[in-house]
Amino acid sequence: MSPHDKQGEAEPAATSRDCSAAEIGAIAHLYRGEIYRTTNWAVVTTGIALSATFSSADASPLPMVLVGLIVTIFLLLEARRYRYFNIWRARARLLETDFYTPMLRGDPVVLNAQWSKLLAKDLCQPRYHVSLARAAGRRLRRTYGWIFLIQALAYYGKLAIHPTPLHSVSQLWTRAAIGPIPGEIVVAAGVLFHLSWMIFGYTALRRDQRAWRLRQSLIAIG
């Protein structure tokens, strides 16, 4: 048979095959490696700011203002980490549904199937499954939104009770003032800051919901 005749022949279709014991062990180690990764410095920073702010009646509420900016940086850093974590979580979930579940049911576990091809492609050509904005929105809704809420309540609680209980709005502006910046501007900036995060979190949630409806890939989570 000539080389041209060989080239014209259709290649045999790939067939699935059972995993060997060594392959099962290797995949199990891959799963263990994928789930042991991830997060959080913001809680510690907020705790330090709360301690400094409420350490005495004359302590300044400024640490609560500054920690809000610091936690924003932490949120962005963790959103970046979450994008990596989302990849690992998707791989682990695929192994759970298509590798471990058949074994628990007593079904044969096969290689060269759709799930293994998807996993191999994702390992060879890794990509993010969510954008930075969606990742930040998820971390905001699940963790950082509560941290920002605690900061806001602590800040306005500090203004309300220290050094004496608040009796008038003019006292609020006086206590909220930071150097030459009037208290009205400081409070308005704080309200705008937290309102912006609320709008951002809601917008990111809507994007997630649209993505979940349109998602086609089995390897992607989110």
N, C-alpha and C. Protein backbone atom coordinates (compact mmCIF):
# COMPACT_ATOMS: atom_id res chain seq x y z
N MET A 1 0.86 -1.20 0.00
CA MET A 1 0.00 0.00 0.00
C MET A 1 0.89 1.23 0.00
N SER A 2 0.58 2.19 -0.87
CA SER A 2 1.41 3.39 -0.98
C SER A 2 1.15 4.33 0.18
N PRO A 3 2.10 5.26 0.45
CA PRO A 3 1.88 6.25 1.52
C PRO A 3 0.65 7.08 1.29
N HIS A 4 0.34 7.35 -0.02
CA HIS A 4 -0.84 8.16 -0.31
C HIS A 4 -2.12 7.44 0.09
N ASP A 5 -2.09 6.10 -0.14
CA ASP A 5 -3.28 5.32 0.25
C ASP A 5 -3.45 5.33 1.76
N LYS A 6 -2.31 5.28 2.50
CA LYS A 6 -2.38 5.30 3.97
C LYS A 6 -2.92 6.62 4.48
N GLN A 7 -2.48 7.70 3.81
CA GLN A 7 -2.94 9.02 4.25
C GLN A 7 -4.42 9.20 4.01
N GLY A 8 -4.92 8.53 2.98
CA GLY A 8 -6.34 8.70 2.66
C GLY A 8 -7.25 7.93 3.58
N GLU A 9 -6.68 6.95 4.30
CA GLU A 9 -7.51 6.18 5.21
C GLU A 9 -7.94 7.01 6.41
N ALA A 10 -9.16 6.79 6.88
CA ALA A 10 -9.64 7.51 8.07
C ALA A 10 -8.97 6.94 9.31
N GLU A 11 -8.59 7.82 10.20
CA GLU A 11 -7.97 7.38 11.44
C GLU A 11 -9.01 6.71 12.32
N PRO A 12 -8.62 5.65 13.01
CA PRO A 12 -9.60 4.97 13.88
C PRO A 12 -10.05 5.89 15.00
N ALA A 13 -11.33 5.80 15.34
CA ALA A 13 -11.88 6.65 16.40
C ALA A 13 -11.26 6.28 17.73
N ALA A 14 -11.01 7.30 18.55
CA ALA A 14 -10.45 7.06 19.88
C ALA A 14 -11.46 6.33 20.74
N THR A 15 -10.99 5.37 21.48
CA THR A 15 -11.88 4.57 22.33
C THR A 15 -11.57 4.84 23.79
N SER A 16 -12.61 4.76 24.60
CA SER A 16 -12.43 4.95 26.04
C SER A 16 -11.82 3.70 26.64
N ARG A 17 -11.09 3.89 27.72
CA ARG A 17 -10.49 2.74 28.39
C ARG A 17 -10.53 2.96 29.88
N ASP A 18 -10.50 1.87 30.62
CA ASP A 18 -10.54 1.95 32.08
C ASP A 18 -9.23 2.51 32.62
N CYS A 19 -9.33 3.20 33.75
CA CYS A 19 -8.13 3.72 34.42
C CYS A 19 -7.40 2.59 35.12
N SER A 20 -6.10 2.63 35.05
CA SER A 20 -5.30 1.69 35.83
C SER A 20 -5.18 2.20 37.27
N ALA A 21 -4.68 1.36 38.17
CA ALA A 21 -4.53 1.76 39.56
C ALA A 21 -3.57 2.94 39.69
N ALA A 22 -2.48 2.93 38.89
CA ALA A 22 -1.53 4.03 38.94
C ALA A 22 -2.14 5.33 38.46
N GLU A 23 -2.98 5.26 37.42
CA GLU A 23 -3.63 6.46 36.89
C GLU A 23 -4.65 7.00 37.89
N ILE A 24 -5.36 6.12 38.55
CA ILE A 24 -6.32 6.56 39.56
C ILE A 24 -5.58 7.27 40.70
N GLY A 25 -4.44 6.73 41.11
CA GLY A 25 -3.64 7.38 42.16
C GLY A 25 -3.15 8.74 41.73
N ALA A 26 -2.71 8.87 40.47
CA ALA A 26 -2.22 10.16 39.98
C ALA A 26 -3.33 11.19 39.93
N ILE A 27 -4.53 10.78 39.48
CA ILE A 27 -5.65 11.72 39.42
C ILE A 27 -6.10 12.11 40.83
N ALA A 28 -6.03 11.16 41.76
CA ALA A 28 -6.39 11.48 43.15
C ALA A 28 -5.44 12.53 43.73
N HIS A 29 -4.16 12.41 43.43
CA HIS A 29 -3.20 13.42 43.89
C HIS A 29 -3.45 14.77 43.22
N LEU A 30 -3.84 14.75 41.95
CA LEU A 30 -4.18 16.00 41.27
C LEU A 30 -5.36 16.67 41.96
N TYR A 31 -6.37 15.90 42.32
CA TYR A 31 -7.54 16.44 43.00
C TYR A 31 -7.15 17.06 44.34
N ARG A 32 -6.33 16.34 45.10
CA ARG A 32 -5.89 16.84 46.40
C ARG A 32 -5.13 18.15 46.24
N GLY A 33 -4.29 18.24 45.21
CA GLY A 33 -3.53 19.47 44.97
C GLY A 33 -4.43 20.62 44.56
N GLU A 34 -5.50 20.33 43.81
CA GLU A 34 -6.37 21.39 43.33
C GLU A 34 -7.20 22.00 44.44
N ILE A 35 -7.58 21.21 45.46
CA ILE A 35 -8.47 21.76 46.49
C ILE A 35 -7.71 22.41 47.63
N TYR A 36 -6.37 22.23 47.73
CA TYR A 36 -5.62 22.83 48.82
C TYR A 36 -5.02 24.15 48.39
N ARG A 37 -5.84 25.16 48.13
CA ARG A 37 -5.31 26.46 47.78
C ARG A 37 -6.29 27.53 48.28
N THR A 38 -5.87 28.81 48.91
CA THR A 38 -6.73 30.09 49.00
C THR A 38 -6.44 30.98 50.21
N THR A 39 -6.96 32.60 51.05
CA THR A 39 -7.54 33.98 51.29
C THR A 39 -7.37 34.84 52.53
N ASN A 40 -7.56 35.62 53.34
CA ASN A 40 -8.11 36.84 53.97
C ASN A 40 -7.31 37.61 55.03
N TRP A 41 -6.98 38.82 54.70
CA TRP A 41 -6.26 39.69 55.64
C TRP A 41 -7.17 40.82 56.13
N ALA A 42 -8.26 41.03 55.47
CA ALA A 42 -9.11 42.18 55.74
C ALA A 42 -9.70 42.15 57.14
N VAL A 43 -10.04 40.97 57.64
CA VAL A 43 -10.66 40.86 58.97
C VAL A 43 -9.69 41.32 60.05
N VAL A 44 -8.43 40.92 59.93
CA VAL A 44 -7.42 41.31 60.91
C VAL A 44 -7.22 42.82 60.90
N THR A 45 -7.14 43.40 59.71
CA THR A 45 -6.95 44.85 59.58
C THR A 45 -8.13 45.60 60.19
N THR A 46 -9.34 45.12 59.92
CA THR A 46 -10.53 45.76 60.49
C THR A 46 -10.53 45.65 62.01
N GLY A 47 -10.13 44.50 62.52
CA GLY A 47 -10.06 44.32 63.98
C GLY A 47 -9.09 45.28 64.63
N ILE A 48 -7.95 45.50 64.00
CA ILE A 48 -6.96 46.45 64.53
C ILE A 48 -7.53 47.86 64.53
N ALA A 49 -8.21 48.23 63.44
CA ALA A 49 -8.81 49.57 63.35
C ALA A 49 -9.89 49.76 64.41
N LEU A 50 -10.69 48.72 64.64
CA LEU A 50 -11.73 48.81 65.68
C LEU A 50 -11.11 48.99 67.06
N SER A 51 -10.04 48.25 67.31
CA SER A 51 -9.38 48.37 68.61
C SER A 51 -8.82 49.76 68.82
N ALA A 52 -8.20 50.32 67.76
CA ALA A 52 -7.63 51.66 67.86
C ALA A 52 -8.70 52.73 68.03
N THR A 53 -9.80 52.57 67.30
CA THR A 53 -10.86 53.58 67.33
C THR A 53 -11.62 53.59 68.65
N PHE A 54 -11.86 52.42 69.23
CA PHE A 54 -12.65 52.35 70.46
C PHE A 54 -11.79 52.15 71.70
N SER A 55 -10.48 52.38 71.58
CA SER A 55 -9.60 52.21 72.72
C SER A 55 -9.87 53.23 73.82
N SER A 56 -10.36 54.41 73.43
CA SER A 56 -10.70 55.44 74.41
C SER A 56 -11.74 56.37 73.82
N ALA A 57 -12.40 57.12 74.67
CA ALA A 57 -13.44 58.03 74.19
C ALA A 57 -12.88 59.13 73.32
N ASP A 58 -11.63 59.48 73.51
CA ASP A 58 -11.02 60.57 72.74
C ASP A 58 -10.29 60.08 71.49
N ALA A 59 -10.27 58.78 71.26
CA ALA A 59 -9.58 58.25 70.08
C ALA A 59 -10.28 58.70 68.80
N SER A 60 -9.50 58.95 67.77
CA SER A 60 -10.05 59.43 66.50
C SER A 60 -10.72 58.30 65.72
N PRO A 61 -11.82 58.62 64.99
CA PRO A 61 -12.44 57.61 64.13
C PRO A 61 -11.71 57.45 62.79
N LEU A 62 -10.64 58.20 62.61
CA LEU A 62 -9.91 58.17 61.34
C LEU A 62 -9.44 56.77 60.93
N PRO A 63 -8.98 55.91 61.88
CA PRO A 63 -8.57 54.57 61.45
C PRO A 63 -9.66 53.80 60.70
N MET A 64 -10.93 54.02 61.06
CA MET A 64 -12.01 53.33 60.36
C MET A 64 -12.15 53.84 58.94
N VAL A 65 -11.83 55.11 58.72
CA VAL A 65 -11.87 55.67 57.36
C VAL A 65 -10.75 55.09 56.53
N LEU A 66 -9.55 55.06 57.10
CA LEU A 66 -8.39 54.58 56.36
C LEU A 66 -8.48 53.08 56.08
N VAL A 67 -9.02 52.32 57.03
CA VAL A 67 -9.07 50.87 56.83
C VAL A 67 -10.04 50.52 55.70
N GLY A 68 -11.02 51.36 55.45
CA GLY A 68 -11.91 51.13 54.32
C GLY A 68 -11.15 51.13 53.00
N LEU A 69 -10.20 52.04 52.87
CA LEU A 69 -9.37 52.10 51.67
C LEU A 69 -8.43 50.90 51.58
N ILE A 70 -7.88 50.51 52.74
CA ILE A 70 -6.98 49.36 52.75
C ILE A 70 -7.73 48.07 52.39
N VAL A 71 -8.93 47.91 52.93
CA VAL A 71 -9.72 46.72 52.64
C VAL A 71 -10.11 46.69 51.17
N THR A 72 -10.30 47.84 50.55
CA THR A 72 -10.58 47.89 49.11
C THR A 72 -9.42 47.29 48.33
N ILE A 73 -8.19 47.61 48.74
CA ILE A 73 -7.02 47.03 48.08
C ILE A 73 -6.99 45.52 48.29
N PHE A 74 -7.31 45.08 49.52
CA PHE A 74 -7.35 43.65 49.80
C PHE A 74 -8.41 42.95 48.94
N LEU A 75 -9.54 43.63 48.73
CA LEU A 75 -10.61 43.06 47.91
C LEU A 75 -10.11 42.82 46.48
N LEU A 76 -9.41 43.79 45.93
CA LEU A 76 -8.89 43.64 44.57
C LEU A 76 -7.84 42.54 44.49
N LEU A 77 -6.98 42.46 45.52
CA LEU A 77 -5.98 41.40 45.55
C LEU A 77 -6.65 40.02 45.65
N GLU A 78 -7.67 39.93 46.50
CA GLU A 78 -8.33 38.64 46.66
C GLU A 78 -9.16 38.28 45.44
N ALA A 79 -9.70 39.27 44.74
CA ALA A 79 -10.42 38.99 43.50
C ALA A 79 -9.48 38.36 42.49
N ARG A 80 -8.25 38.85 42.44
CA ARG A 80 -7.25 38.26 41.54
C ARG A 80 -6.95 36.82 41.95
N ARG A 81 -6.80 36.59 43.25
CA ARG A 81 -6.56 35.23 43.75
C ARG A 81 -7.76 34.33 43.48
N TYR A 82 -8.96 34.91 43.59
CA TYR A 82 -10.18 34.12 43.37
C TYR A 82 -10.26 33.63 41.93
N ARG A 83 -9.76 34.40 40.99
CA ARG A 83 -9.78 33.96 39.59
C ARG A 83 -8.96 32.67 39.42
N TYR A 84 -7.83 32.60 40.12
CA TYR A 84 -7.05 31.37 40.11
C TYR A 84 -7.80 30.26 40.84
N PHE A 85 -8.34 30.60 42.01
CA PHE A 85 -9.07 29.61 42.80
C PHE A 85 -10.24 29.02 42.01
N ASN A 86 -10.92 29.85 41.22
CA ASN A 86 -12.05 29.40 40.44
C ASN A 86 -11.64 28.34 39.42
N ILE A 87 -10.43 28.47 38.87
CA ILE A 87 -9.90 27.46 37.95
C ILE A 87 -9.72 26.14 38.69
N TRP A 88 -9.06 26.21 39.86
CA TRP A 88 -8.80 24.99 40.64
C TRP A 88 -10.10 24.35 41.09
N ARG A 89 -11.08 25.18 41.47
CA ARG A 89 -12.36 24.66 41.94
C ARG A 89 -13.10 23.96 40.80
N ALA A 90 -13.04 24.53 39.60
CA ALA A 90 -13.71 23.91 38.46
C ALA A 90 -13.08 22.55 38.14
N ARG A 91 -11.76 22.47 38.20
CA ARG A 91 -11.10 21.19 37.94
C ARG A 91 -11.48 20.16 39.00
N ALA A 92 -11.48 20.59 40.26
CA ALA A 92 -11.83 19.68 41.34
C ALA A 92 -13.28 19.20 41.20
N ARG A 93 -14.17 20.10 40.81
CA ARG A 93 -15.58 19.72 40.65
C ARG A 93 -15.75 18.72 39.51
N LEU A 94 -15.01 18.91 38.42
CA LEU A 94 -15.07 17.98 37.31
C LEU A 94 -14.59 16.59 37.72
N LEU A 95 -13.53 16.54 38.52
CA LEU A 95 -13.05 15.26 39.02
C LEU A 95 -14.07 14.61 39.95
N GLU A 96 -14.76 15.40 40.75
CA GLU A 96 -15.76 14.87 41.67
C GLU A 96 -16.93 14.23 40.92
N THR A 97 -17.41 14.92 39.87
CA THR A 97 -18.60 14.45 39.17
C THR A 97 -18.31 13.32 38.18
N ASP A 98 -17.14 13.35 37.54
CA ASP A 98 -16.87 12.40 36.47
C ASP A 98 -15.81 11.35 36.81
N PHE A 99 -15.13 11.50 37.94
CA PHE A 99 -14.12 10.53 38.31
C PHE A 99 -14.51 9.81 39.60
N TYR A 100 -14.75 10.57 40.66
CA TYR A 100 -15.08 9.95 41.94
C TYR A 100 -16.50 9.39 41.98
N THR A 101 -17.46 10.09 41.38
CA THR A 101 -18.84 9.62 41.42
C THR A 101 -19.01 8.26 40.76
N PRO A 102 -18.47 8.02 39.54
CA PRO A 102 -18.57 6.67 38.97
C PRO A 102 -17.94 5.60 39.86
N MET A 103 -16.80 5.92 40.49
CA MET A 103 -16.16 4.94 41.36
C MET A 103 -17.05 4.60 42.55
N LEU A 104 -17.69 5.61 43.14
CA LEU A 104 -18.57 5.37 44.29
C LEU A 104 -19.80 4.57 43.89
N ARG A 105 -20.23 4.74 42.66
CA ARG A 105 -21.39 3.99 42.17
C ARG A 105 -21.03 2.58 41.72
N GLY A 106 -19.73 2.31 41.63
CA GLY A 106 -19.30 1.02 41.14
C GLY A 106 -19.23 0.94 39.63
N ASP A 107 -19.32 2.09 38.96
CA ASP A 107 -19.22 2.12 37.50
C ASP A 107 -17.77 2.19 37.09
N PRO A 108 -17.43 1.74 35.87
CA PRO A 108 -16.04 1.86 35.41
C PRO A 108 -15.66 3.31 35.17
N VAL A 109 -14.44 3.68 35.57
CA VAL A 109 -13.91 5.02 35.31
C VAL A 109 -13.06 4.94 34.05
N VAL A 110 -13.41 5.74 33.06
CA VAL A 110 -12.73 5.64 31.77
C VAL A 110 -11.93 6.90 31.49
N LEU A 111 -10.84 6.71 30.78
CA LEU A 111 -10.05 7.83 30.26
C LEU A 111 -10.41 8.05 28.80
N ASN A 112 -9.90 9.12 28.23
CA ASN A 112 -10.18 9.49 26.85
C ASN A 112 -11.67 9.72 26.64
N ALA A 113 -12.35 10.11 27.73
CA ALA A 113 -13.75 10.48 27.65
C ALA A 113 -13.84 12.01 27.61
N GLN A 114 -15.06 12.54 27.52
CA GLN A 114 -15.23 13.98 27.39
C GLN A 114 -14.65 14.73 28.58
N TRP A 115 -14.86 14.20 29.79
CA TRP A 115 -14.38 14.90 30.98
C TRP A 115 -12.86 14.96 31.02
N SER A 116 -12.21 13.87 30.66
CA SER A 116 -10.74 13.86 30.71
C SER A 116 -10.15 14.74 29.63
N LYS A 117 -10.82 14.84 28.47
CA LYS A 117 -10.34 15.73 27.41
C LYS A 117 -10.46 17.19 27.85
N LEU A 118 -11.57 17.51 28.49
CA LEU A 118 -11.76 18.88 28.98
C LEU A 118 -10.71 19.23 30.02
N LEU A 119 -10.46 18.30 30.94
CA LEU A 119 -9.48 18.55 31.99
C LEU A 119 -8.08 18.68 31.41
N ALA A 120 -7.74 17.82 30.47
CA ALA A 120 -6.42 17.89 29.84
C ALA A 120 -6.24 19.21 29.09
N LYS A 121 -7.28 19.65 28.39
CA LYS A 121 -7.19 20.91 27.66
C LYS A 121 -7.02 22.09 28.62
N ASP A 122 -7.74 22.03 29.74
CA ASP A 122 -7.65 23.13 30.70
C ASP A 122 -6.30 23.15 31.39
N LEU A 123 -5.69 21.99 31.58
CA LEU A 123 -4.36 21.94 32.17
C LEU A 123 -3.30 22.43 31.18
N CYS A 124 -3.48 22.10 29.90
CA CYS A 124 -2.50 22.51 28.89
C CYS A 124 -2.68 23.96 28.46
N GLN A 125 -3.95 24.41 28.45
CA GLN A 125 -4.25 25.78 28.02
C GLN A 125 -5.13 26.46 29.07
N PRO A 126 -4.57 26.74 30.24
CA PRO A 126 -5.39 27.33 31.31
C PRO A 126 -5.87 28.73 30.94
N ARG A 127 -7.05 29.04 31.38
CA ARG A 127 -7.62 30.37 31.16
C ARG A 127 -8.52 30.70 32.34
N TYR A 128 -8.73 32.01 32.53
CA TYR A 128 -9.65 32.44 33.59
C TYR A 128 -11.08 32.13 33.16
N HIS A 129 -11.90 31.73 34.13
CA HIS A 129 -13.30 31.45 33.86
C HIS A 129 -14.20 32.63 34.21
N VAL A 130 -13.69 33.57 34.99
CA VAL A 130 -14.46 34.77 35.36
C VAL A 130 -13.57 36.00 35.20
N SER A 131 -14.20 37.14 34.96
CA SER A 131 -13.46 38.39 34.86
C SER A 131 -13.09 38.89 36.25
N LEU A 132 -12.18 39.86 36.29
CA LEU A 132 -11.79 40.45 37.58
C LEU A 132 -12.98 41.11 38.26
N ALA A 133 -13.83 41.78 37.47
CA ALA A 133 -15.00 42.46 38.04
C ALA A 133 -15.97 41.46 38.67
N ARG A 134 -16.23 40.35 37.97
CA ARG A 134 -17.13 39.34 38.52
C ARG A 134 -16.53 38.66 39.74
N ALA A 135 -15.22 38.43 39.73
CA ALA A 135 -14.55 37.85 40.88
C ALA A 135 -14.64 38.77 42.08
N ALA A 136 -14.41 40.08 41.86
CA ALA A 136 -14.52 41.05 42.95
C ALA A 136 -15.95 41.11 43.47
N GLY A 137 -16.93 41.03 42.57
CA GLY A 137 -18.33 41.04 42.98
C GLY A 137 -18.68 39.86 43.86
N ARG A 138 -18.15 38.69 43.53
CA ARG A 138 -18.42 37.50 44.34
C ARG A 138 -17.81 37.62 45.73
N ARG A 139 -16.56 38.07 45.79
CA ARG A 139 -15.91 38.21 47.09
C ARG A 139 -16.60 39.30 47.91
N LEU A 140 -17.09 40.35 47.23
CA LEU A 140 -17.79 41.42 47.93
C LEU A 140 -19.09 40.90 48.53
N ARG A 141 -19.85 40.13 47.77
CA ARG A 141 -21.14 39.64 48.25
C ARG A 141 -20.97 38.62 49.36
N ARG A 142 -19.94 37.79 49.29
CA ARG A 142 -19.82 36.69 50.23
C ARG A 142 -19.03 37.03 51.48
N THR A 143 -18.11 37.99 51.39
CA THR A 143 -17.26 38.29 52.54
C THR A 143 -17.11 39.79 52.78
N TYR A 144 -16.63 40.51 51.78
CA TYR A 144 -16.22 41.89 52.00
C TYR A 144 -17.39 42.84 52.22
N GLY A 145 -18.56 42.50 51.70
CA GLY A 145 -19.72 43.33 51.97
C GLY A 145 -20.02 43.41 53.46
N TRP A 146 -19.86 42.27 54.16
CA TRP A 146 -20.08 42.26 55.61
C TRP A 146 -19.00 43.04 56.34
N ILE A 147 -17.77 42.96 55.84
CA ILE A 147 -16.68 43.72 56.46
C ILE A 147 -16.93 45.22 56.31
N PHE A 148 -17.33 45.64 55.10
CA PHE A 148 -17.64 47.06 54.88
C PHE A 148 -18.82 47.49 55.75
N LEU A 149 -19.81 46.62 55.93
CA LEU A 149 -20.96 46.96 56.77
C LEU A 149 -20.53 47.17 58.21
N ILE A 150 -19.68 46.28 58.72
CA ILE A 150 -19.17 46.42 60.09
C ILE A 150 -18.38 47.71 60.25
N GLN A 151 -17.56 48.03 59.26
CA GLN A 151 -16.78 49.28 59.31
C GLN A 151 -17.70 50.49 59.36
N ALA A 152 -18.73 50.49 58.52
CA ALA A 152 -19.64 51.64 58.48
C ALA A 152 -20.38 51.80 59.81
N LEU A 153 -20.88 50.69 60.35
CA LEU A 153 -21.60 50.76 61.62
C LEU A 153 -20.67 51.19 62.75
N ALA A 154 -19.45 50.67 62.75
CA ALA A 154 -18.49 51.04 63.80
C ALA A 154 -18.12 52.52 63.70
N TYR A 155 -17.94 53.01 62.47
CA TYR A 155 -17.56 54.41 62.29
C TYR A 155 -18.67 55.34 62.79
N TYR A 156 -19.89 55.10 62.34
CA TYR A 156 -20.96 55.98 62.76
C TYR A 156 -21.35 55.75 64.22
N GLY A 157 -21.09 54.54 64.73
CA GLY A 157 -21.29 54.31 66.16
C GLY A 157 -20.29 55.10 66.98
N LYS A 158 -19.05 55.17 66.51
CA LYS A 158 -18.02 55.96 67.19
C LYS A 158 -18.43 57.42 67.25
N LEU A 159 -18.92 57.95 66.13
CA LEU A 159 -19.36 59.36 66.11
C LEU A 159 -20.54 59.58 67.06
N ALA A 160 -21.37 58.57 67.22
CA ALA A 160 -22.60 58.74 68.01
C ALA A 160 -22.37 58.67 69.51
N ILE A 161 -21.33 57.97 69.97
CA ILE A 161 -21.20 57.75 71.41
C ILE A 161 -19.95 58.37 72.04
N HIS A 162 -18.93 58.67 71.25
CA HIS A 162 -17.68 59.20 71.83
C HIS A 162 -17.44 60.65 71.40
N PRO A 163 -16.99 61.50 72.31
CA PRO A 163 -16.69 61.23 73.73
C PRO A 163 -17.94 61.22 74.61
N THR A 164 -19.05 61.77 74.09
CA THR A 164 -20.33 61.73 74.81
C THR A 164 -21.41 61.40 73.79
N PRO A 165 -22.58 60.94 74.25
CA PRO A 165 -23.66 60.66 73.30
C PRO A 165 -23.99 61.87 72.44
N LEU A 166 -24.29 61.61 71.18
CA LEU A 166 -24.58 62.68 70.21
C LEU A 166 -25.92 63.33 70.52
N HIS A 167 -25.95 64.69 70.48
CA HIS A 167 -27.18 65.42 70.79
C HIS A 167 -27.70 66.23 69.62
N SER A 168 -26.89 66.50 68.62
CA SER A 168 -27.33 67.32 67.50
C SER A 168 -26.55 66.96 66.25
N VAL A 169 -27.10 67.35 65.10
CA VAL A 169 -26.45 67.08 63.82
C VAL A 169 -25.16 67.88 63.70
N SER A 170 -25.15 69.08 64.28
CA SER A 170 -23.95 69.90 64.21
C SER A 170 -22.78 69.22 64.92
N GLN A 171 -23.08 68.49 66.01
CA GLN A 171 -22.04 67.73 66.69
C GLN A 171 -21.49 66.63 65.78
N LEU A 172 -22.38 66.01 65.02
CA LEU A 172 -21.96 64.94 64.10
C LEU A 172 -20.96 65.48 63.08
N TRP A 173 -21.26 66.65 62.50
CA TRP A 173 -20.35 67.24 61.51
C TRP A 173 -19.01 67.59 62.14
N THR A 174 -19.06 68.09 63.37
CA THR A 174 -17.82 68.47 64.06
C THR A 174 -16.95 67.25 64.31
N ARG A 175 -17.56 66.16 64.78
CA ARG A 175 -16.79 64.96 65.09
C ARG A 175 -16.28 64.27 63.83
N ALA A 176 -17.02 64.39 62.75
CA ALA A 176 -16.63 63.70 61.51
C ALA A 176 -15.55 64.45 60.74
N ALA A 177 -15.35 65.74 61.05
CA ALA A 177 -14.37 66.54 60.30
C ALA A 177 -12.97 65.95 60.44
N ILE A 178 -12.23 65.97 59.34
CA ILE A 178 -10.84 65.49 59.32
C ILE A 178 -9.96 66.65 58.90
N GLY A 179 -9.29 67.26 59.88
CA GLY A 179 -8.45 68.42 59.57
C GLY A 179 -9.27 69.52 58.93
N PRO A 180 -8.86 69.98 57.75
CA PRO A 180 -9.60 71.06 57.09
C PRO A 180 -10.83 70.57 56.32
N ILE A 181 -11.05 69.27 56.27
CA ILE A 181 -12.18 68.72 55.51
C ILE A 181 -13.42 68.74 56.38
N PRO A 182 -14.48 69.44 55.98
CA PRO A 182 -15.70 69.51 56.80
C PRO A 182 -16.33 68.14 57.01
N GLY A 183 -17.01 67.99 58.14
CA GLY A 183 -17.64 66.72 58.46
C GLY A 183 -18.70 66.32 57.45
N GLU A 184 -19.42 67.31 56.90
CA GLU A 184 -20.45 66.99 55.92
C GLU A 184 -19.86 66.27 54.71
N ILE A 185 -18.71 66.72 54.26
CA ILE A 185 -18.06 66.11 53.10
C ILE A 185 -17.56 64.70 53.44
N VAL A 186 -17.01 64.55 54.64
CA VAL A 186 -16.49 63.24 55.06
C VAL A 186 -17.63 62.22 55.12
N VAL A 187 -18.73 62.59 55.75
CA VAL A 187 -19.87 61.67 55.86
C VAL A 187 -20.46 61.36 54.48
N ALA A 188 -20.59 62.38 53.64
CA ALA A 188 -21.12 62.17 52.30
C ALA A 188 -20.21 61.24 51.49
N ALA A 189 -18.90 61.41 51.65
CA ALA A 189 -17.95 60.54 50.94
C ALA A 189 -18.09 59.09 51.42
N GLY A 190 -18.31 58.92 52.73
CA GLY A 190 -18.49 57.57 53.26
C GLY A 190 -19.75 56.91 52.72
N VAL A 191 -20.85 57.68 52.69
CA VAL A 191 -22.11 57.15 52.15
C VAL A 191 -21.94 56.78 50.68
N LEU A 192 -21.28 57.66 49.91
CA LEU A 192 -21.05 57.40 48.50
C LEU A 192 -20.16 56.17 48.30
N PHE A 193 -19.14 56.03 49.15
CA PHE A 193 -18.23 54.89 49.08
C PHE A 193 -18.98 53.57 49.22
N HIS A 194 -19.80 53.47 50.28
CA HIS A 194 -20.51 52.22 50.54
C HIS A 194 -21.65 52.02 49.54
N LEU A 195 -22.29 53.08 49.10
CA LEU A 195 -23.35 52.95 48.10
C LEU A 195 -22.78 52.45 46.78
N SER A 196 -21.58 52.92 46.44
CA SER A 196 -20.94 52.48 45.20
C SER A 196 -20.66 50.98 45.23
N TRP A 197 -20.21 50.48 46.39
CA TRP A 197 -19.95 49.05 46.49
C TRP A 197 -21.24 48.24 46.42
N MET A 198 -22.33 48.77 46.96
CA MET A 198 -23.61 48.07 46.86
C MET A 198 -24.06 47.96 45.41
N ILE A 199 -23.93 49.06 44.66
CA ILE A 199 -24.32 49.04 43.25
C ILE A 199 -23.42 48.10 42.46
N PHE A 200 -22.12 48.14 42.77
CA PHE A 200 -21.17 47.27 42.08
C PHE A 200 -21.50 45.80 42.34
N GLY A 201 -21.78 45.46 43.61
CA GLY A 201 -22.12 44.08 43.95
C GLY A 201 -23.37 43.60 43.23
N TYR A 202 -24.39 44.47 43.15
CA TYR A 202 -25.62 44.10 42.46
C TYR A 202 -25.38 43.91 40.96
N THR A 203 -24.60 44.82 40.37
CA THR A 203 -24.30 44.72 38.94
C THR A 203 -23.53 43.44 38.64
N ALA A 204 -22.55 43.11 39.50
CA ALA A 204 -21.77 41.89 39.30
C ALA A 204 -22.66 40.65 39.44
N LEU A 205 -23.63 40.70 40.34
CA LEU A 205 -24.55 39.58 40.51
C LEU A 205 -25.37 39.36 39.24
N ARG A 206 -25.84 40.45 38.63
CA ARG A 206 -26.60 40.34 37.40
C ARG A 206 -25.75 39.75 36.28
N ARG A 207 -24.47 40.12 36.23
CA ARG A 207 -23.58 39.54 35.23
C ARG A 207 -23.40 38.05 35.47
N ASP A 208 -23.25 37.67 36.72
CA ASP A 208 -23.12 36.25 37.05
C ASP A 208 -24.35 35.47 36.62
N GLN A 209 -25.52 36.01 36.88
CA GLN A 209 -26.75 35.32 36.53
C GLN A 209 -26.87 35.13 35.03
N ARG A 210 -26.49 36.15 34.26
CA ARG A 210 -26.51 36.01 32.80
C ARG A 210 -25.51 34.95 32.34
N ALA A 211 -24.32 34.95 32.95
CA ALA A 211 -23.29 33.98 32.57
C ALA A 211 -23.72 32.56 32.91
N TRP A 212 -24.37 32.36 34.05
CA TRP A 212 -24.83 31.02 34.43
C TRP A 212 -25.86 30.48 33.43
N ARG A 213 -26.72 31.37 32.92
CA ARG A 213 -27.73 30.93 31.95
C ARG A 213 -27.09 30.55 30.62
N LEU A 214 -26.00 31.24 30.27
CA LEU A 214 -25.38 31.02 28.96
C LEU A 214 -24.24 30.03 29.00
N ARG A 215 -23.82 29.58 30.19
CA ARG A 215 -22.63 28.75 30.31
C ARG A 215 -22.82 27.43 29.57
N GLN A 216 -21.82 27.06 28.79
CA GLN A 216 -21.86 25.82 28.03
C GLN A 216 -20.78 24.84 28.46
N SER A 217 -19.60 25.34 28.84
CA SER A 217 -18.47 24.46 29.13
C SER A 217 -18.64 23.75 30.45
N LEU A 218 -18.35 22.45 30.45
CA LEU A 218 -18.45 21.67 31.70
C LEU A 218 -17.31 21.99 32.66
N ILE A 219 -16.19 22.47 32.13
CA ILE A 219 -15.04 22.73 32.98
C ILE A 219 -15.20 24.04 33.75
N ALA A 220 -16.05 24.92 33.28
CA ALA A 220 -16.14 26.25 33.90
C ALA A 220 -17.15 26.23 35.04
N ILE A 221 -16.78 26.88 36.13
CA ILE A 221 -17.72 27.15 37.22
C ILE A 221 -17.88 28.65 37.30
N GLY A 222 -19.02 29.18 36.97
CA GLY A 222 -19.19 30.63 36.91
C GLY A 222 -18.90 31.16 35.56
